[in-house]
């Protein structure tokens, strides 16, 4: 495919710029929906292929990002249905509104930066617990063992840490 494609009304779309501007945001959006990393990569690529196969007109960045998210979401739903899996998001409209509110630049870079900053504000034990859980996919029993606490204690520690992260990020967003 050429780097520029002609959509319906004769306007040219710079495909490389489109991908560069929206790829990270689409991948993060799919991950937030509950998509596994490798599948998110595949569906991100499939989104661009699907969008560029038919006439596509860019109005502005926000409209383009919203359209790409909708296509990606539909591809994810189709994949989940074919796999016989349940969709993880209960209220898509609420999810979309929160995504739009929290991810102002559509890539999520600013939000990731805020998360990293907020993460450093947690206690060492809380950072370790969340790292074991979300980076290493450790069970609650393994986390409890590593921290020398009960499983219930590990659960409470992670709940408090996630609440602290959420409040920190919400505070930064409202600034």
Protein backbone atom coordinates (compact mmCIF):
# COMPACT_ATOMS: atom_id res chain seq x y z
CA UNK A 1 0.00 0.00 0.00
CA UNK A 2 1.32 3.46 -0.87
CA UNK A 3 2.07 5.84 2.00
CA UNK A 4 -0.73 8.08 0.76
CA UNK A 5 -4.19 6.82 -0.11
CA UNK A 6 -6.95 8.78 -1.81
CA UNK A 7 -10.22 8.72 0.16
CA UNK A 8 -13.68 9.50 -1.16
CA UNK A 9 -13.47 13.27 -1.69
CA UNK A 10 -9.98 13.38 -3.19
CA UNK A 11 -8.20 14.30 0.04
CA UNK A 12 -4.99 12.42 0.73
CA UNK A 13 -4.40 10.56 3.95
CA UNK A 14 -0.83 10.24 5.14
CA UNK A 15 -1.02 6.63 6.31
CA UNK A 16 2.34 6.71 8.11
CA UNK A 17 1.29 9.80 10.07
CA UNK A 18 -2.12 8.30 10.83
CA UNK A 19 -0.53 5.15 12.23
CA UNK A 20 2.12 7.07 14.14
CA UNK A 21 -0.46 9.40 15.68
CA UNK A 22 -2.96 6.72 16.74
CA UNK A 23 -1.21 3.36 17.10
CA UNK A 24 -0.18 3.65 20.76
CA UNK A 25 -3.54 5.04 21.80
CA UNK A 26 -5.46 2.27 20.04
CA UNK A 27 -3.27 -0.42 21.61
CA UNK A 28 -3.77 1.09 25.08
CA UNK A 29 -7.50 1.40 24.47
CA UNK A 30 -7.73 -2.28 23.52
CA UNK A 31 -5.69 -3.24 26.59
CA UNK A 32 -8.05 -1.18 28.76
CA UNK A 33 -10.95 -3.16 27.26
CA UNK A 34 -9.27 -6.34 28.50
CA UNK A 35 -7.40 -7.40 25.38
CA UNK A 36 -4.19 -9.43 25.82
CA UNK A 37 -1.03 -7.62 24.57
CA UNK A 38 -0.42 -9.77 21.48
CA UNK A 39 -4.08 -9.64 20.46
CA UNK A 40 -4.10 -5.86 21.02
CA UNK A 41 -1.17 -5.58 18.59
CA UNK A 42 -2.99 -7.68 16.00
CA UNK A 43 -6.27 -5.81 16.39
CA UNK A 44 -4.51 -2.44 16.23
CA UNK A 45 -2.99 -3.43 12.90
CA UNK A 46 -6.30 -4.89 11.70
CA UNK A 47 -8.03 -1.61 12.61
CA UNK A 48 -5.80 0.41 10.29
CA UNK A 49 -6.12 -2.15 7.50
CA UNK A 50 -9.90 -2.18 7.85
CA UNK A 51 -10.20 1.61 7.92
CA UNK A 52 -7.90 2.12 4.94
CA UNK A 53 -9.65 -0.47 2.76
CA UNK A 54 -12.70 1.76 2.39
CA UNK A 55 -13.15 5.47 1.82
CA UNK A 56 -12.07 7.37 4.89
CA UNK A 57 -12.18 11.10 5.47
CA UNK A 58 -10.38 12.79 8.32
CA UNK A 59 -12.28 15.68 9.89
CA UNK A 60 -10.07 16.28 12.92
CA UNK A 61 -7.84 14.29 15.26
CA UNK A 62 -10.52 13.70 17.90
CA UNK A 63 -13.05 12.41 15.36
CA UNK A 64 -10.42 10.19 13.76
CA UNK A 65 -9.36 8.78 17.14
CA UNK A 66 -12.98 8.10 18.06
CA UNK A 67 -13.65 6.37 14.75
CA UNK A 68 -10.52 4.22 15.06
CA UNK A 69 -11.49 3.24 18.63
CA UNK A 70 -14.97 2.23 17.45
CA UNK A 71 -13.52 0.04 14.68
CA UNK A 72 -11.01 -1.50 17.12
CA UNK A 73 -13.78 -2.14 19.64
CA UNK A 74 -15.93 -3.87 17.02
CA UNK A 75 -12.99 -6.03 15.95
CA UNK A 76 -12.39 -6.97 19.59
CA UNK A 77 -16.05 -7.89 20.09
CA UNK A 78 -15.98 -10.02 16.92
CA UNK A 79 -12.84 -11.79 18.11
CA UNK A 80 -14.32 -12.44 21.56
CA UNK A 81 -17.54 -13.81 20.07
CA UNK A 82 -15.64 -16.14 17.73
CA UNK A 83 -13.61 -17.34 20.73
CA UNK A 84 -16.79 -17.80 22.78
CA UNK A 85 -15.63 -15.32 25.41
CA UNK A 86 -17.57 -12.73 27.37
CA UNK A 87 -16.86 -9.04 26.76
CA UNK A 88 -15.17 -7.47 29.79
CA UNK A 89 -16.71 -3.99 29.63
CA UNK A 90 -20.23 -3.69 31.03
CA UNK A 91 -21.08 -0.10 30.12
CA UNK A 92 -19.27 0.92 26.95
CA UNK A 93 -20.62 4.48 26.94
CA UNK A 94 -19.30 5.08 30.47
CA UNK A 95 -15.98 3.47 29.49
CA UNK A 96 -15.73 5.71 26.40
CA UNK A 97 -16.49 8.84 28.42
CA UNK A 98 -13.89 7.95 31.05
CA UNK A 99 -11.34 7.12 28.34
CA UNK A 100 -11.94 10.46 26.62
CA UNK A 101 -11.72 12.33 29.92
CA UNK A 102 -8.56 10.60 31.13
CA UNK A 103 -6.72 10.24 27.81
CA UNK A 104 -6.70 13.78 26.52
CA UNK A 105 -4.05 13.29 23.83
CA UNK A 106 -5.57 10.01 22.48
CA UNK A 107 -2.25 8.19 22.81
CA UNK A 108 -2.32 7.75 26.57
CA UNK A 109 1.29 8.94 26.91
CA UNK A 110 0.36 11.67 29.38
CA UNK A 111 -1.71 9.25 31.46
CA UNK A 112 1.11 6.69 31.53
CA UNK A 113 3.47 9.42 32.70
CA UNK A 114 1.03 10.37 35.49
CA UNK A 115 0.67 6.73 36.48
CA UNK A 116 4.44 6.29 36.72
CA UNK A 117 4.71 9.42 38.86
CA UNK A 118 1.87 8.29 41.13
CA UNK A 119 3.36 4.79 41.35
CA UNK A 120 6.59 6.18 42.80
CA UNK A 121 4.48 7.76 45.57
CA UNK A 122 3.35 4.35 46.84
CA UNK A 123 5.15 2.52 49.62
CA UNK A 124 7.81 0.04 48.60
CA UNK A 125 5.58 -2.87 49.70
CA UNK A 126 2.64 -1.57 47.67
CA UNK A 127 4.83 -1.08 44.57
CA UNK A 128 6.19 -4.61 44.98
CA UNK A 129 2.71 -6.10 45.41
CA UNK A 130 1.34 -4.36 42.31
CA UNK A 131 4.44 -5.19 40.27
CA UNK A 132 4.18 -8.85 41.20
CA UNK A 133 0.49 -8.87 40.36
CA UNK A 134 0.40 -6.92 37.11
CA UNK A 135 3.90 -7.32 35.69
CA UNK A 136 4.65 -10.88 36.82
CA UNK A 137 1.02 -12.12 36.92
CA UNK A 138 1.65 -13.53 40.41
CA UNK A 139 -1.16 -15.05 42.41
CA UNK A 140 -2.33 -13.48 45.63
CA UNK A 141 -0.76 -16.42 47.50
CA UNK A 142 2.63 -15.77 45.90
CA UNK A 143 2.40 -12.04 46.65
CA UNK A 144 1.48 -12.78 50.27
CA UNK A 145 4.43 -15.13 50.56
CA UNK A 146 6.85 -12.60 49.06
CA UNK A 147 5.65 -9.88 51.44
CA UNK A 148 5.35 -12.28 54.40
CA UNK A 149 1.70 -11.42 55.00
CA UNK A 150 -1.60 -13.27 54.67
CA UNK A 151 -3.45 -13.52 51.37
CA UNK A 152 -6.15 -11.28 52.83
CA UNK A 153 -3.46 -8.77 53.79
CA UNK A 154 -2.08 -8.86 50.23
CA UNK A 155 -5.57 -8.28 48.83
CA UNK A 156 -6.13 -5.29 51.14
CA UNK A 157 -2.68 -3.84 50.37
CA UNK A 158 -3.32 -4.00 46.62
CA UNK A 159 -6.82 -2.54 46.96
CA UNK A 160 -5.49 0.40 48.99
CA UNK A 161 -2.61 0.91 46.53
CA UNK A 162 -4.95 0.90 43.51
CA UNK A 163 -7.26 3.35 45.26
CA UNK A 164 -4.28 5.59 46.02
CA UNK A 165 -3.18 5.44 42.36
CA UNK A 166 -6.69 6.25 41.13
CA UNK A 167 -7.00 9.22 43.50
CA UNK A 168 -3.53 10.49 42.55
CA UNK A 169 -4.29 10.30 38.82
CA UNK A 170 -7.73 11.87 39.24
CA UNK A 171 -6.08 14.71 41.16
CA UNK A 172 -3.53 15.26 38.41
CA UNK A 173 -6.21 15.19 35.72
CA UNK A 174 -8.32 17.78 37.50
CA UNK A 175 -5.33 20.16 37.88
